[in-house]
């Protein structure tokens, strides 16, 4: 006979910062002297941080423990207009 137990159950609630994008537009005399009309610097990222009490290194959105870890992505860039 098997006893019912909640020993292996984990609270899979979580809070995740999925997407973040920061932009800064530079338009002043310095860049106009260089022949640039617009200059934008940006940074973005995906899956940056997850707050959870779930098992360490296991994504709470996945259905099991035998899956790839969540991938974090960071982008930096510059946009110029002449």
N, C-alpha and C. Protein backbone atom coordinates (compact mmCIF):
# COMPACT_ATOMS: atom_id res chain seq x y z
N UNK A 1 0.84 -1.17 0.00
CA UNK A 1 0.00 0.00 0.00
C UNK A 1 0.89 1.24 0.00
N UNK A 2 0.50 2.21 -0.77
CA UNK A 2 1.30 3.41 -0.93
C UNK A 2 0.62 4.59 -0.21
N UNK A 3 1.38 5.31 0.58
CA UNK A 3 0.83 6.43 1.32
C UNK A 3 0.86 7.69 0.46
N UNK A 4 -0.17 8.48 0.55
CA UNK A 4 -0.18 9.76 -0.14
C UNK A 4 0.70 10.74 0.63
N UNK A 5 1.55 11.46 -0.11
CA UNK A 5 2.45 12.40 0.54
C UNK A 5 2.65 13.62 -0.36
N UNK A 6 2.93 14.72 0.25
CA UNK A 6 3.24 15.94 -0.50
C UNK A 6 4.72 16.29 -0.35
N UNK A 7 5.52 15.33 0.07
CA UNK A 7 6.93 15.58 0.34
C UNK A 7 7.67 16.11 -0.89
N UNK A 8 7.39 15.56 -2.07
CA UNK A 8 8.11 15.96 -3.27
C UNK A 8 7.49 17.15 -4.00
N UNK A 9 6.38 17.68 -3.52
CA UNK A 9 5.76 18.84 -4.16
C UNK A 9 6.55 20.09 -3.84
N UNK A 10 6.68 20.96 -4.82
CA UNK A 10 7.37 22.24 -4.66
C UNK A 10 6.45 23.36 -5.09
N UNK A 11 6.57 24.49 -4.44
CA UNK A 11 5.84 25.70 -4.85
C UNK A 11 6.54 26.24 -6.09
N UNK A 12 5.88 26.21 -7.24
CA UNK A 12 6.48 26.65 -8.50
C UNK A 12 6.08 28.08 -8.87
N UNK A 13 5.65 28.87 -7.90
CA UNK A 13 5.33 30.25 -8.22
C UNK A 13 6.64 31.00 -8.47
N UNK A 14 6.56 31.99 -9.36
CA UNK A 14 7.77 32.73 -9.72
C UNK A 14 7.41 34.11 -10.25
N UNK A 15 8.41 34.97 -10.29
CA UNK A 15 8.31 36.28 -10.90
C UNK A 15 9.53 36.41 -11.80
N UNK A 16 9.31 36.73 -13.08
CA UNK A 16 10.42 36.76 -14.04
C UNK A 16 10.40 38.07 -14.81
N UNK A 17 11.58 38.67 -14.96
CA UNK A 17 11.76 39.81 -15.85
C UNK A 17 12.13 39.23 -17.21
N UNK A 18 11.13 39.17 -18.11
CA UNK A 18 11.33 38.52 -19.42
C UNK A 18 12.03 39.41 -20.42
N UNK A 19 11.59 40.66 -20.55
CA UNK A 19 12.15 41.56 -21.56
C UNK A 19 12.41 42.93 -20.96
N UNK A 20 13.53 43.51 -21.34
CA UNK A 20 13.87 44.86 -20.91
C UNK A 20 14.65 45.52 -22.04
N UNK A 21 14.26 46.74 -22.39
CA UNK A 21 14.98 47.49 -23.41
C UNK A 21 15.16 48.92 -22.93
N UNK A 22 16.39 49.41 -23.02
CA UNK A 22 16.73 50.77 -22.64
C UNK A 22 17.30 51.48 -23.86
N UNK A 23 16.82 52.69 -24.14
CA UNK A 23 17.29 53.49 -25.26
C UNK A 23 17.70 54.85 -24.77
N UNK A 24 18.71 55.42 -25.42
CA UNK A 24 19.10 56.79 -25.14
C UNK A 24 19.41 57.47 -26.46
N UNK A 25 18.69 58.55 -26.75
CA UNK A 25 18.89 59.31 -27.98
C UNK A 25 19.82 60.48 -27.68
N UNK A 26 20.87 60.61 -28.48
CA UNK A 26 21.82 61.71 -28.33
C UNK A 26 21.67 62.61 -29.56
N UNK A 27 21.35 63.85 -29.34
CA UNK A 27 21.29 64.81 -30.45
C UNK A 27 21.75 66.16 -29.91
N UNK A 28 23.00 66.43 -30.14
CA UNK A 28 23.55 67.71 -29.70
C UNK A 28 24.56 68.20 -30.71
N UNK A 29 25.17 69.31 -30.41
CA UNK A 29 26.11 69.94 -31.35
C UNK A 29 27.30 69.05 -31.66
N UNK A 30 27.78 68.27 -30.71
CA UNK A 30 28.95 67.42 -30.92
C UNK A 30 28.73 66.43 -32.06
N UNK A 31 27.60 65.73 -32.06
CA UNK A 31 27.39 64.74 -33.11
C UNK A 31 27.04 65.40 -34.44
N UNK A 32 26.43 66.58 -34.40
CA UNK A 32 26.13 67.30 -35.65
C UNK A 32 27.41 67.76 -36.33
N UNK A 33 28.43 68.14 -35.55
CA UNK A 33 29.74 68.51 -36.11
C UNK A 33 30.41 67.33 -36.79
N UNK A 34 30.08 66.11 -36.38
CA UNK A 34 30.63 64.90 -37.00
C UNK A 34 29.83 64.46 -38.22
N UNK A 35 28.77 65.18 -38.54
CA UNK A 35 27.95 64.82 -39.70
C UNK A 35 26.87 63.81 -39.37
N UNK A 36 26.59 63.60 -38.11
CA UNK A 36 25.58 62.64 -37.68
C UNK A 36 24.34 63.41 -37.26
N UNK A 37 23.18 63.06 -37.81
CA UNK A 37 21.96 63.78 -37.44
C UNK A 37 21.29 63.17 -36.21
N UNK A 38 21.34 61.85 -36.07
CA UNK A 38 20.75 61.18 -34.91
C UNK A 38 21.68 60.06 -34.44
N UNK A 39 21.75 59.90 -33.14
CA UNK A 39 22.55 58.83 -32.54
C UNK A 39 21.73 58.22 -31.41
N UNK A 40 21.55 56.92 -31.47
CA UNK A 40 20.81 56.20 -30.43
C UNK A 40 21.68 55.05 -29.93
N UNK A 41 21.78 54.93 -28.63
CA UNK A 41 22.47 53.81 -28.00
C UNK A 41 21.41 53.00 -27.26
N UNK A 42 21.46 51.67 -27.42
CA UNK A 42 20.44 50.85 -26.77
C UNK A 42 21.04 49.58 -26.19
N UNK A 43 20.33 49.05 -25.21
CA UNK A 43 20.66 47.76 -24.60
C UNK A 43 19.34 47.04 -24.35
N UNK A 44 19.34 45.75 -24.60
CA UNK A 44 18.13 44.96 -24.35
C UNK A 44 18.53 43.59 -23.84
N UNK A 45 17.57 42.94 -23.21
CA UNK A 45 17.83 41.61 -22.68
C UNK A 45 16.55 40.81 -22.53
N UNK A 46 16.69 39.49 -22.56
CA UNK A 46 15.57 38.58 -22.39
C UNK A 46 15.90 37.60 -21.27
N UNK A 47 14.87 37.28 -20.48
CA UNK A 47 14.99 36.31 -19.37
C UNK A 47 16.13 36.70 -18.43
N UNK A 48 16.09 37.93 -17.96
CA UNK A 48 17.21 38.46 -17.20
C UNK A 48 17.29 37.92 -15.78
N UNK A 49 16.15 37.78 -15.11
CA UNK A 49 16.18 37.31 -13.72
C UNK A 49 14.86 36.64 -13.37
N UNK A 50 14.94 35.62 -12.55
CA UNK A 50 13.75 34.90 -12.08
C UNK A 50 13.83 34.78 -10.56
N UNK A 51 12.76 35.21 -9.89
CA UNK A 51 12.66 35.08 -8.44
C UNK A 51 11.73 33.91 -8.15
N UNK A 52 12.23 32.88 -7.46
CA UNK A 52 11.43 31.72 -7.14
C UNK A 52 12.05 30.95 -5.98
N UNK A 53 11.24 30.15 -5.32
CA UNK A 53 11.73 29.23 -4.29
C UNK A 53 11.76 27.80 -4.83
N UNK A 54 11.59 27.67 -6.13
CA UNK A 54 11.59 26.36 -6.80
C UNK A 54 13.00 25.78 -6.79
N UNK A 55 13.12 24.52 -7.18
CA UNK A 55 14.44 23.88 -7.23
C UNK A 55 15.42 24.75 -8.00
N UNK A 56 16.65 24.84 -7.52
CA UNK A 56 17.66 25.66 -8.16
C UNK A 56 17.99 25.12 -9.55
N UNK A 57 18.19 26.02 -10.50
CA UNK A 57 18.56 25.71 -11.89
C UNK A 57 17.48 24.97 -12.67
N UNK A 58 16.25 24.98 -12.21
CA UNK A 58 15.15 24.38 -12.96
C UNK A 58 14.15 25.48 -13.26
N UNK A 59 13.75 25.58 -14.51
CA UNK A 59 12.82 26.61 -14.95
C UNK A 59 11.41 26.25 -14.48
N UNK A 60 10.74 27.12 -13.71
CA UNK A 60 9.40 26.81 -13.23
C UNK A 60 8.34 26.77 -14.34
N UNK A 61 8.64 27.27 -15.54
CA UNK A 61 7.70 27.20 -16.65
C UNK A 61 7.71 25.84 -17.35
N UNK A 62 8.75 25.06 -17.15
CA UNK A 62 8.87 23.77 -17.83
C UNK A 62 8.16 22.67 -17.05
N UNK A 63 7.87 21.59 -17.74
CA UNK A 63 7.08 20.52 -17.13
C UNK A 63 7.91 19.49 -16.38
N UNK A 64 9.22 19.50 -16.55
CA UNK A 64 10.02 18.50 -15.87
C UNK A 64 11.42 19.00 -15.59
N UNK A 65 12.20 18.17 -14.94
CA UNK A 65 13.56 18.56 -14.57
C UNK A 65 14.56 18.29 -15.68
N UNK A 66 14.20 17.49 -16.68
CA UNK A 66 15.15 17.09 -17.72
C UNK A 66 14.95 17.93 -18.98
N UNK A 67 15.10 19.25 -18.84
CA UNK A 67 14.98 20.20 -19.94
C UNK A 67 16.19 21.12 -19.92
N UNK A 68 16.41 21.80 -21.02
CA UNK A 68 17.52 22.74 -21.08
C UNK A 68 17.28 23.92 -20.14
N UNK A 69 18.33 24.45 -19.57
CA UNK A 69 18.14 25.63 -18.70
C UNK A 69 17.69 26.83 -19.54
N UNK A 70 17.07 27.78 -18.90
CA UNK A 70 16.57 28.96 -19.60
C UNK A 70 17.76 29.79 -20.10
N UNK A 71 17.61 30.31 -21.31
CA UNK A 71 18.70 31.05 -21.95
C UNK A 71 18.49 32.54 -21.73
N UNK A 72 19.54 33.20 -21.29
CA UNK A 72 19.53 34.65 -21.12
C UNK A 72 20.22 35.26 -22.33
N UNK A 73 19.68 36.39 -22.80
CA UNK A 73 20.26 37.04 -23.97
C UNK A 73 20.42 38.53 -23.69
N UNK A 74 21.59 39.08 -24.08
CA UNK A 74 21.89 40.48 -23.91
C UNK A 74 22.28 41.07 -25.27
N UNK A 75 21.78 42.25 -25.58
CA UNK A 75 22.11 42.94 -26.83
C UNK A 75 22.52 44.37 -26.52
N UNK A 76 23.54 44.82 -27.19
CA UNK A 76 23.98 46.22 -27.13
C UNK A 76 24.07 46.72 -28.56
N UNK A 77 23.71 47.98 -28.78
CA UNK A 77 23.80 48.48 -30.14
C UNK A 77 23.78 49.98 -30.24
N UNK A 78 24.08 50.44 -31.46
CA UNK A 78 24.11 51.85 -31.79
C UNK A 78 23.39 52.02 -33.12
N UNK A 79 22.52 53.03 -33.20
CA UNK A 79 21.87 53.38 -34.46
C UNK A 79 22.28 54.79 -34.84
N UNK A 80 22.74 54.94 -36.07
CA UNK A 80 23.21 56.23 -36.57
C UNK A 80 22.37 56.66 -37.77
N UNK A 81 22.13 57.96 -37.87
CA UNK A 81 21.50 58.55 -39.06
C UNK A 81 22.41 59.69 -39.50
N UNK A 82 22.71 59.71 -40.80
CA UNK A 82 23.58 60.76 -41.36
C UNK A 82 22.76 61.77 -42.13
